[in-house]
């Protein structure tokens, strides 16, 4: 089913939504991953897991996105690369943000904890901007952002509990 924006602007004119979707999705997955990192891993091992997960999910998401586009929109599997560019850019931005505490620029005892906070910040900013785009009041935007942050944290905890 084609949403209103795609119906109005065409199937390849909404790459921002696709990038936002990937950014939030990857952030929630990485939160669960970082929460569950084994204590036996050093910072390099944690960083490798973050990037391995980021790259793997980006490839899987891009493949699924293309296949769904062929089915739902009737487009060729090789056309319409703008949304894929947005997906890859968002994934890189999330992976890079999660990596900041591991680069040694910050003197932190637990890079994983800082990484989780940065990933939650990405989800919070995305939620706030989504609420703002709907024209909601400041109170509505903040309430929505807090609700989305609680849901993201809950999803991450459930994912962690199911996989560990």
N, C-alpha and C. Protein backbone atom coordinates (compact mmCIF):
# COMPACT_ATOMS: atom_id res chain seq x y z
N UNK A 1 0.84 -1.18 0.00
CA UNK A 1 0.00 0.00 0.00
C UNK A 1 0.88 1.24 0.00
N UNK A 2 0.57 2.19 -0.84
CA UNK A 2 1.34 3.42 -0.97
C UNK A 2 0.75 4.46 -0.03
N UNK A 3 1.62 5.09 0.79
CA UNK A 3 1.11 6.09 1.73
C UNK A 3 0.82 7.40 1.00
N UNK A 4 0.22 8.34 1.71
CA UNK A 4 -0.22 9.60 1.11
C UNK A 4 0.93 10.38 0.49
N UNK A 5 2.08 10.44 1.18
CA UNK A 5 3.22 11.19 0.66
C UNK A 5 3.72 10.57 -0.64
N UNK A 6 3.80 9.24 -0.69
CA UNK A 6 4.27 8.60 -1.92
C UNK A 6 3.25 8.75 -3.03
N UNK A 7 1.99 8.69 -2.73
CA UNK A 7 0.97 8.87 -3.75
C UNK A 7 1.04 10.27 -4.34
N UNK A 8 1.33 11.25 -3.50
CA UNK A 8 1.39 12.64 -3.93
C UNK A 8 2.69 12.94 -4.67
N UNK A 9 3.79 12.35 -4.24
CA UNK A 9 5.10 12.74 -4.76
C UNK A 9 5.79 11.66 -5.57
N UNK A 10 5.26 10.48 -5.66
CA UNK A 10 5.92 9.41 -6.39
C UNK A 10 6.70 8.51 -5.45
N UNK A 11 6.99 7.28 -5.86
CA UNK A 11 7.57 6.30 -4.95
C UNK A 11 8.99 6.61 -4.50
N UNK A 12 9.73 7.44 -5.21
CA UNK A 12 11.13 7.65 -4.84
C UNK A 12 11.39 9.07 -4.37
N UNK A 13 10.37 9.75 -3.89
CA UNK A 13 10.53 11.12 -3.43
C UNK A 13 10.45 11.24 -1.92
N UNK A 14 10.48 10.13 -1.19
CA UNK A 14 10.36 10.17 0.26
C UNK A 14 11.54 9.44 0.92
N UNK A 15 12.77 9.72 0.48
CA UNK A 15 13.90 9.00 1.07
C UNK A 15 14.15 9.36 2.52
N UNK A 16 13.75 10.56 2.94
CA UNK A 16 13.94 10.95 4.34
C UNK A 16 13.22 10.02 5.29
N UNK A 17 12.02 9.61 4.93
CA UNK A 17 11.27 8.69 5.76
C UNK A 17 12.00 7.35 5.87
N UNK A 18 12.53 6.89 4.76
CA UNK A 18 13.24 5.61 4.75
C UNK A 18 14.51 5.68 5.60
N UNK A 19 15.21 6.79 5.50
CA UNK A 19 16.41 6.98 6.32
C UNK A 19 16.07 7.07 7.79
N UNK A 20 15.00 7.80 8.11
CA UNK A 20 14.57 7.92 9.51
C UNK A 20 14.17 6.56 10.07
N UNK A 21 13.44 5.80 9.27
CA UNK A 21 13.02 4.46 9.70
C UNK A 21 14.24 3.60 10.01
N UNK A 22 15.23 3.62 9.12
CA UNK A 22 16.43 2.82 9.34
C UNK A 22 17.21 3.31 10.55
N UNK A 23 17.31 4.63 10.70
CA UNK A 23 18.05 5.18 11.83
C UNK A 23 17.45 4.80 13.17
N UNK A 24 16.14 4.88 13.28
CA UNK A 24 15.47 4.52 14.54
C UNK A 24 15.57 3.01 14.77
N UNK A 25 15.32 2.24 13.73
CA UNK A 25 15.39 0.78 13.84
C UNK A 25 16.78 0.33 14.29
N UNK A 26 17.80 0.83 13.63
CA UNK A 26 19.16 0.44 13.98
C UNK A 26 19.53 0.93 15.38
N UNK A 27 19.07 2.10 15.77
CA UNK A 27 19.34 2.60 17.12
C UNK A 27 18.78 1.67 18.18
N UNK A 28 17.55 1.23 18.00
CA UNK A 28 16.91 0.34 18.97
C UNK A 28 17.64 -1.00 19.03
N UNK A 29 18.02 -1.53 17.87
CA UNK A 29 18.76 -2.80 17.84
C UNK A 29 20.12 -2.64 18.51
N UNK A 30 20.81 -1.54 18.23
CA UNK A 30 22.13 -1.34 18.84
C UNK A 30 22.05 -1.12 20.34
N UNK A 31 20.98 -0.49 20.81
CA UNK A 31 20.80 -0.34 22.26
C UNK A 31 20.76 -1.72 22.91
N UNK A 32 19.95 -2.61 22.34
CA UNK A 32 19.85 -3.97 22.88
C UNK A 32 21.19 -4.68 22.79
N UNK A 33 21.91 -4.49 21.71
CA UNK A 33 23.22 -5.12 21.54
C UNK A 33 24.21 -4.62 22.58
N UNK A 34 24.29 -3.31 22.72
CA UNK A 34 25.29 -2.72 23.64
C UNK A 34 24.96 -3.07 25.08
N UNK A 35 23.67 -3.09 25.43
CA UNK A 35 23.28 -3.48 26.79
C UNK A 35 23.77 -4.89 27.08
N UNK A 36 23.72 -5.76 26.09
CA UNK A 36 24.07 -7.16 26.29
C UNK A 36 25.51 -7.53 26.01
N UNK A 37 26.37 -6.54 25.78
CA UNK A 37 27.76 -6.88 25.48
C UNK A 37 28.40 -7.61 26.64
N UNK A 38 29.14 -8.63 26.30
CA UNK A 38 29.81 -9.43 27.33
C UNK A 38 30.96 -8.64 27.94
N UNK A 39 31.15 -8.83 29.22
CA UNK A 39 32.22 -8.13 29.92
C UNK A 39 33.60 -8.57 29.44
N UNK A 40 33.68 -9.74 28.81
CA UNK A 40 34.97 -10.25 28.36
C UNK A 40 35.48 -9.52 27.11
N UNK A 41 34.63 -8.77 26.46
CA UNK A 41 35.05 -8.04 25.26
C UNK A 41 35.78 -6.76 25.65
N UNK A 42 36.81 -6.43 24.89
CA UNK A 42 37.45 -5.14 25.08
C UNK A 42 36.74 -4.11 24.20
N UNK A 43 37.18 -2.87 24.26
CA UNK A 43 36.52 -1.82 23.49
C UNK A 43 36.55 -2.08 22.00
N UNK A 44 37.68 -2.64 21.50
CA UNK A 44 37.76 -2.94 20.07
C UNK A 44 36.73 -4.01 19.68
N UNK A 45 36.55 -5.01 20.53
CA UNK A 45 35.56 -6.04 20.27
C UNK A 45 34.15 -5.49 20.26
N UNK A 46 33.86 -4.58 21.18
CA UNK A 46 32.54 -3.95 21.22
C UNK A 46 32.31 -3.11 19.97
N UNK A 47 33.33 -2.38 19.57
CA UNK A 47 33.23 -1.54 18.38
C UNK A 47 33.02 -2.40 17.13
N UNK A 48 33.69 -3.53 17.06
CA UNK A 48 33.53 -4.44 15.94
C UNK A 48 32.09 -4.99 15.89
N UNK A 49 31.53 -5.32 17.03
CA UNK A 49 30.14 -5.79 17.07
C UNK A 49 29.16 -4.70 16.64
N UNK A 50 29.40 -3.47 17.07
CA UNK A 50 28.53 -2.35 16.68
C UNK A 50 28.54 -2.19 15.16
N UNK A 51 29.74 -2.18 14.56
CA UNK A 51 29.82 -1.98 13.11
C UNK A 51 29.37 -3.20 12.34
N UNK A 52 29.65 -4.39 12.85
CA UNK A 52 29.17 -5.60 12.18
C UNK A 52 27.65 -5.65 12.15
N UNK A 53 27.04 -5.29 13.26
CA UNK A 53 25.58 -5.25 13.32
C UNK A 53 25.03 -4.16 12.42
N UNK A 54 25.65 -2.99 12.43
CA UNK A 54 25.20 -1.88 11.59
C UNK A 54 25.25 -2.25 10.11
N UNK A 55 26.35 -2.84 9.69
CA UNK A 55 26.50 -3.21 8.28
C UNK A 55 25.54 -4.35 7.92
N UNK A 56 25.47 -5.36 8.76
CA UNK A 56 24.59 -6.49 8.48
C UNK A 56 23.13 -6.09 8.39
N UNK A 57 22.67 -5.27 9.33
CA UNK A 57 21.27 -4.82 9.29
C UNK A 57 21.00 -3.91 8.10
N UNK A 58 21.98 -3.12 7.73
CA UNK A 58 21.80 -2.24 6.57
C UNK A 58 21.63 -3.08 5.31
N UNK A 59 22.47 -4.09 5.15
CA UNK A 59 22.34 -4.96 3.98
C UNK A 59 20.99 -5.69 3.97
N UNK A 60 20.60 -6.24 5.11
CA UNK A 60 19.33 -6.97 5.19
C UNK A 60 18.15 -6.03 4.95
N UNK A 61 18.19 -4.86 5.55
CA UNK A 61 17.10 -3.90 5.40
C UNK A 61 17.00 -3.42 3.95
N UNK A 62 18.14 -3.14 3.33
CA UNK A 62 18.14 -2.68 1.95
C UNK A 62 17.58 -3.74 1.02
N UNK A 63 17.98 -4.99 1.22
CA UNK A 63 17.45 -6.08 0.41
C UNK A 63 15.93 -6.19 0.58
N UNK A 64 15.46 -6.18 1.83
CA UNK A 64 14.03 -6.29 2.08
C UNK A 64 13.28 -5.09 1.51
N UNK A 65 13.85 -3.89 1.64
CA UNK A 65 13.23 -2.68 1.11
C UNK A 65 13.07 -2.79 -0.41
N UNK A 66 14.12 -3.25 -1.08
CA UNK A 66 14.05 -3.36 -2.54
C UNK A 66 13.00 -4.38 -2.96
N UNK A 67 13.00 -5.52 -2.30
CA UNK A 67 12.04 -6.56 -2.64
C UNK A 67 10.61 -6.07 -2.41
N UNK A 68 10.37 -5.41 -1.29
CA UNK A 68 9.04 -4.89 -0.99
C UNK A 68 8.65 -3.81 -2.00
N UNK A 69 9.59 -3.01 -2.45
CA UNK A 69 9.30 -1.97 -3.44
C UNK A 69 8.88 -2.57 -4.77
N UNK A 70 9.54 -3.65 -5.16
CA UNK A 70 9.17 -4.32 -6.39
C UNK A 70 7.74 -4.83 -6.28
N UNK A 71 7.42 -5.42 -5.13
CA UNK A 71 6.08 -5.98 -4.92
C UNK A 71 5.01 -4.89 -4.80
N UNK A 72 5.23 -3.95 -3.88
CA UNK A 72 4.18 -2.98 -3.55
C UNK A 72 4.04 -1.88 -4.59
N UNK A 73 5.15 -1.47 -5.17
CA UNK A 73 5.10 -0.32 -6.07
C UNK A 73 5.28 -0.71 -7.53
N UNK A 74 5.63 -1.97 -7.78
CA UNK A 74 5.79 -2.42 -9.16
C UNK A 74 7.01 -1.83 -9.84
N UNK A 75 8.01 -1.44 -9.08
CA UNK A 75 9.21 -0.85 -9.69
C UNK A 75 10.23 -1.95 -9.97
N UNK A 76 11.17 -1.64 -10.83
CA UNK A 76 12.24 -2.57 -11.14
C UNK A 76 13.17 -2.69 -9.94
N UNK A 77 13.77 -3.85 -9.79
CA UNK A 77 14.67 -4.08 -8.65
C UNK A 77 15.90 -3.19 -8.71
N UNK A 78 16.23 -2.67 -9.88
CA UNK A 78 17.45 -1.86 -10.02
C UNK A 78 17.16 -0.36 -10.11
N UNK A 79 15.91 0.07 -9.94
CA UNK A 79 15.61 1.49 -10.04
C UNK A 79 15.41 2.12 -8.67
N UNK A 80 15.47 3.42 -8.62
CA UNK A 80 15.15 4.15 -7.40
C UNK A 80 16.15 4.00 -6.28
N UNK A 81 17.34 4.53 -6.45
CA UNK A 81 18.40 4.37 -5.45
C UNK A 81 18.40 5.45 -4.39
N UNK A 82 17.62 6.51 -4.54
CA UNK A 82 17.62 7.59 -3.53
C UNK A 82 17.23 7.09 -2.14
N UNK A 83 16.17 6.31 -2.02
CA UNK A 83 15.84 5.82 -0.67
C UNK A 83 16.94 4.93 -0.09
N UNK A 84 17.59 4.17 -0.94
CA UNK A 84 18.67 3.32 -0.45
C UNK A 84 19.84 4.16 0.03
N UNK A 85 20.12 5.25 -0.66
CA UNK A 85 21.15 6.16 -0.19
C UNK A 85 20.81 6.72 1.18
N UNK A 86 19.54 7.06 1.39
CA UNK A 86 19.10 7.58 2.70
C UNK A 86 19.24 6.51 3.77
N UNK A 87 18.91 5.26 3.43
CA UNK A 87 19.02 4.15 4.39
C UNK A 87 20.47 3.94 4.79
N UNK A 88 21.36 3.89 3.80
CA UNK A 88 22.79 3.66 4.07
C UNK A 88 23.38 4.83 4.86
N UNK A 89 23.03 6.06 4.48
CA UNK A 89 23.53 7.24 5.20
C UNK A 89 23.06 7.23 6.65
N UNK A 90 21.80 6.91 6.87
CA UNK A 90 21.27 6.86 8.24
C UNK A 90 21.98 5.78 9.05
N UNK A 91 22.19 4.63 8.46
CA UNK A 91 22.88 3.54 9.17
C UNK A 91 24.30 3.93 9.52
N UNK A 92 24.98 4.58 8.58
CA UNK A 92 26.35 5.02 8.86
C UNK A 92 26.35 6.05 9.98
N UNK A 93 25.42 6.98 9.94
CA UNK A 93 25.35 8.02 10.98
C UNK A 93 25.10 7.40 12.36
N UNK A 94 24.21 6.42 12.43
CA UNK A 94 23.92 5.76 13.71
C UNK A 94 25.14 4.98 14.19
N UNK A 95 25.75 4.21 13.30
CA UNK A 95 26.95 3.46 13.67
C UNK A 95 28.07 4.38 14.12
N UNK A 96 28.26 5.48 13.42
CA UNK A 96 29.31 6.43 13.80
C UNK A 96 29.00 7.07 15.15
N UNK A 97 27.74 7.41 15.39
CA UNK A 97 27.35 8.00 16.67
C UNK A 97 27.58 7.02 17.81
N UNK A 98 27.20 5.76 17.61
CA UNK A 98 27.42 4.74 18.64
C UNK A 98 28.90 4.49 18.89
N UNK A 99 29.73 4.80 17.91
CA UNK A 99 31.18 4.56 18.02
C UNK A 99 31.94 5.67 18.74
N UNK A 100 31.36 6.85 18.83
CA UNK A 100 32.07 8.01 19.39
C UNK A 100 32.72 7.71 20.73
N UNK A 101 32.04 7.10 21.69
CA UNK A 101 32.67 6.86 22.99
C UNK A 101 33.86 5.90 22.94
N UNK A 102 33.97 5.13 21.88
CA UNK A 102 35.04 4.14 21.76
C UNK A 102 36.30 4.69 21.09
N UNK A 103 36.24 5.90 20.59
CA UNK A 103 37.34 6.43 19.81
C UNK A 103 38.44 7.06 20.66
N UNK A 104 38.22 7.15 21.95
CA UNK A 104 39.25 7.69 22.83
C UNK A 104 39.23 9.21 22.98
N UNK A 105 38.31 9.87 22.32
CA UNK A 105 38.22 11.33 22.44
C UNK A 105 37.65 11.72 23.79
N UNK A 106 36.78 10.87 24.31
CA UNK A 106 36.16 11.12 25.60
C UNK A 106 36.78 10.19 26.62
N UNK A 107 37.06 10.71 27.78
CA UNK A 107 37.61 9.87 28.84
C UNK A 107 36.44 9.36 29.68
N UNK A 108 35.89 8.22 29.27
CA UNK A 108 34.74 7.65 29.97
C UNK A 108 35.09 6.25 30.45
N UNK A 109 34.56 5.89 31.61
CA UNK A 109 34.82 4.57 32.18
C UNK A 109 34.09 3.49 31.39
N UNK A 110 32.90 3.80 30.90
CA UNK A 110 32.10 2.81 30.18
C UNK A 110 31.61 3.38 28.85
N UNK A 111 32.37 3.15 27.78
CA UNK A 111 31.90 3.63 26.48
C UNK A 111 30.52 3.08 26.10
N UNK A 112 30.21 1.85 26.55
CA UNK A 112 28.91 1.26 26.22
C UNK A 112 27.76 2.09 26.78
N UNK A 113 27.92 2.57 28.00
CA UNK A 113 26.86 3.38 28.63
C UNK A 113 26.65 4.68 27.86
N UNK A 114 27.74 5.34 27.49
CA UNK A 114 27.64 6.59 26.72
C UNK A 114 27.02 6.30 25.36
N UNK A 115 27.39 5.19 24.75
CA UNK A 115 26.83 4.81 23.46
C UNK A 115 25.32 4.63 23.55
N UNK A 116 24.85 3.98 24.61
CA UNK A 116 23.41 3.79 24.80
C UNK A 116 22.71 5.15 24.89
N UNK A 117 23.27 6.08 25.66
CA UNK A 117 22.66 7.40 25.79
C UNK A 117 22.63 8.13 24.45
N UNK A 118 23.69 8.01 23.66
CA UNK A 118 23.71 8.65 22.34
C UNK A 118 22.66 8.04 21.41
N UNK A 119 22.51 6.73 21.47
CA UNK A 119 21.50 6.07 20.64
C UNK A 119 20.09 6.47 21.07
N UNK A 120 19.87 6.57 22.38
CA UNK A 120 18.56 7.04 22.85
C UNK A 120 18.31 8.49 22.42
N UNK A 121 19.37 9.28 22.36
CA UNK A 121 19.24 10.66 21.89
C UNK A 121 18.76 10.68 20.44
N UNK A 122 19.28 9.79 19.61
CA UNK A 122 18.84 9.70 18.21
C UNK A 122 17.34 9.41 18.15
N UNK A 123 16.90 8.44 18.93
CA UNK A 123 15.47 8.09 18.95
C UNK A 123 14.65 9.26 19.45
N UNK A 124 15.12 9.92 20.49
CA UNK A 124 14.39 11.06 21.05
C UNK A 124 14.27 12.22 20.07
N UNK A 125 15.35 12.52 19.38
CA UNK A 125 15.32 13.62 18.39
C UNK A 125 14.37 13.25 17.25
N UNK A 126 14.43 12.00 16.79
CA UNK A 126 13.53 11.57 15.72
C UNK A 126 12.06 11.69 16.16
N UNK A 127 11.77 11.29 17.39
CA UNK A 127 10.40 11.37 17.89
C UNK A 127 9.95 12.83 18.00
N UNK A 128 10.82 13.68 18.52
CA UNK A 128 10.48 15.09 18.67
C UNK A 128 10.19 15.73 17.30
N UNK A 129 11.07 15.44 16.33
CA UNK A 129 10.88 16.02 15.00
C UNK A 129 9.62 15.48 14.33
N UNK A 130 9.31 14.21 14.56
CA UNK A 130 8.07 13.64 14.01
C UNK A 130 6.86 14.36 14.59
N UNK A 131 6.87 14.58 15.91
CA UNK A 131 5.76 15.28 16.55
C UNK A 131 5.67 16.73 16.08
N UNK A 132 6.81 17.36 15.92
CA UNK A 132 6.82 18.75 15.44
C UNK A 132 6.26 18.84 14.03
N UNK A 133 6.59 17.84 13.19
CA UNK A 133 6.09 17.86 11.81
C UNK A 133 4.57 17.75 11.74
N UNK A 134 3.96 17.26 12.81
CA UNK A 134 2.50 17.14 12.87
C UNK A 134 1.86 18.41 13.42
N UNK A 135 2.67 19.39 13.82
CA UNK A 135 2.13 20.65 14.31
C UNK A 135 1.69 20.61 15.76
N UNK A 136 2.16 19.64 16.52
CA UNK A 136 1.75 19.51 17.91
C UNK A 136 2.36 20.59 18.79
N UNK A 137 1.71 20.86 19.90
CA UNK A 137 2.21 21.84 20.86
C UNK A 137 3.51 21.31 21.49
N UNK A 138 4.22 22.19 22.17
CA UNK A 138 5.45 21.79 22.83
C UNK A 138 5.18 20.68 23.84
N UNK A 139 4.11 20.81 24.61
CA UNK A 139 3.77 19.78 25.58
C UNK A 139 3.47 18.45 24.88
N UNK A 140 2.76 18.51 23.77
CA UNK A 140 2.46 17.30 23.00
C UNK A 140 3.72 16.66 22.44
N UNK A 141 4.62 17.50 21.94
CA UNK A 141 5.88 16.99 21.39
C UNK A 141 6.71 16.30 22.47
N UNK A 142 6.79 16.93 23.64
CA UNK A 142 7.58 16.35 24.73
C UNK A 142 6.95 15.06 25.25
N UNK A 143 5.63 15.05 25.38
CA UNK A 143 4.94 13.84 25.84
C UNK A 143 5.15 12.70 24.84
N UNK A 144 5.03 13.01 23.56
CA UNK A 144 5.23 12.00 22.52
C UNK A 144 6.67 11.48 22.55
N UNK A 145 7.61 12.39 22.69
CA UNK A 145 9.03 12.00 22.73
C UNK A 145 9.30 11.08 23.91
N UNK A 146 8.78 11.41 25.07
CA UNK A 146 8.97 10.56 26.25
C UNK A 146 8.31 9.20 26.07
N UNK A 147 7.13 9.17 25.45
CA UNK A 147 6.45 7.91 25.20
C UNK A 147 7.28 7.05 24.24
N UNK A 148 7.79 7.65 23.18
CA UNK A 148 8.59 6.90 22.21
C UNK A 148 9.88 6.41 22.84
N UNK A 149 10.51 7.22 23.68
CA UNK A 149 11.72 6.77 24.37
C UNK A 149 11.43 5.58 25.29
N UNK A 150 10.30 5.62 25.97
CA UNK A 150 9.92 4.49 26.84
C UNK A 150 9.67 3.24 26.00
N UNK A 151 9.01 3.40 24.86
CA UNK A 151 8.76 2.25 23.99
C UNK A 151 10.07 1.70 23.43
N UNK A 152 10.96 2.59 22.99
CA UNK A 152 12.26 2.15 22.46
C UNK A 152 13.06 1.40 23.52
N UNK A 153 13.07 1.91 24.73
CA UNK A 153 13.78 1.23 25.82
C UNK A 153 13.14 -0.13 26.10
N UNK A 154 11.83 -0.19 26.10
CA UNK A 154 11.13 -1.45 26.35
C UNK A 154 11.42 -2.48 25.26
N UNK A 155 11.38 -2.04 24.01
CA UNK A 155 11.67 -2.94 22.89
C UNK A 155 13.11 -3.45 23.00
N UNK A 156 14.04 -2.57 23.34
CA UNK A 156 15.43 -2.98 23.49
C UNK A 156 15.61 -3.99 24.61
N UNK A 157 14.94 -3.76 25.72
CA UNK A 157 15.02 -4.70 26.85
C UNK A 157 14.42 -6.05 26.47
N UNK A 158 13.27 -6.04 25.81
CA UNK A 158 12.65 -7.29 25.38
C UNK A 158 13.56 -8.03 24.40
N UNK A 159 14.13 -7.30 23.45
CA UNK A 159 15.06 -7.92 22.51
C UNK A 159 16.25 -8.51 23.23
N UNK A 160 16.79 -7.79 24.19
CA UNK A 160 17.92 -8.28 24.97
C UNK A 160 17.52 -9.56 25.72
N UNK A 161 16.39 -9.53 26.41
CA UNK A 161 15.95 -10.69 27.19
C UNK A 161 15.69 -11.92 26.32
N UNK A 162 15.19 -11.71 25.13
CA UNK A 162 14.90 -12.82 24.23
C UNK A 162 16.15 -13.41 23.58
N UNK A 163 17.21 -12.63 23.51
CA UNK A 163 18.40 -13.11 22.81
C UNK A 163 19.56 -13.45 23.75
N UNK A 164 19.38 -13.28 25.05
CA UNK A 164 20.48 -13.60 25.99
C UNK A 164 20.02 -14.59 27.03
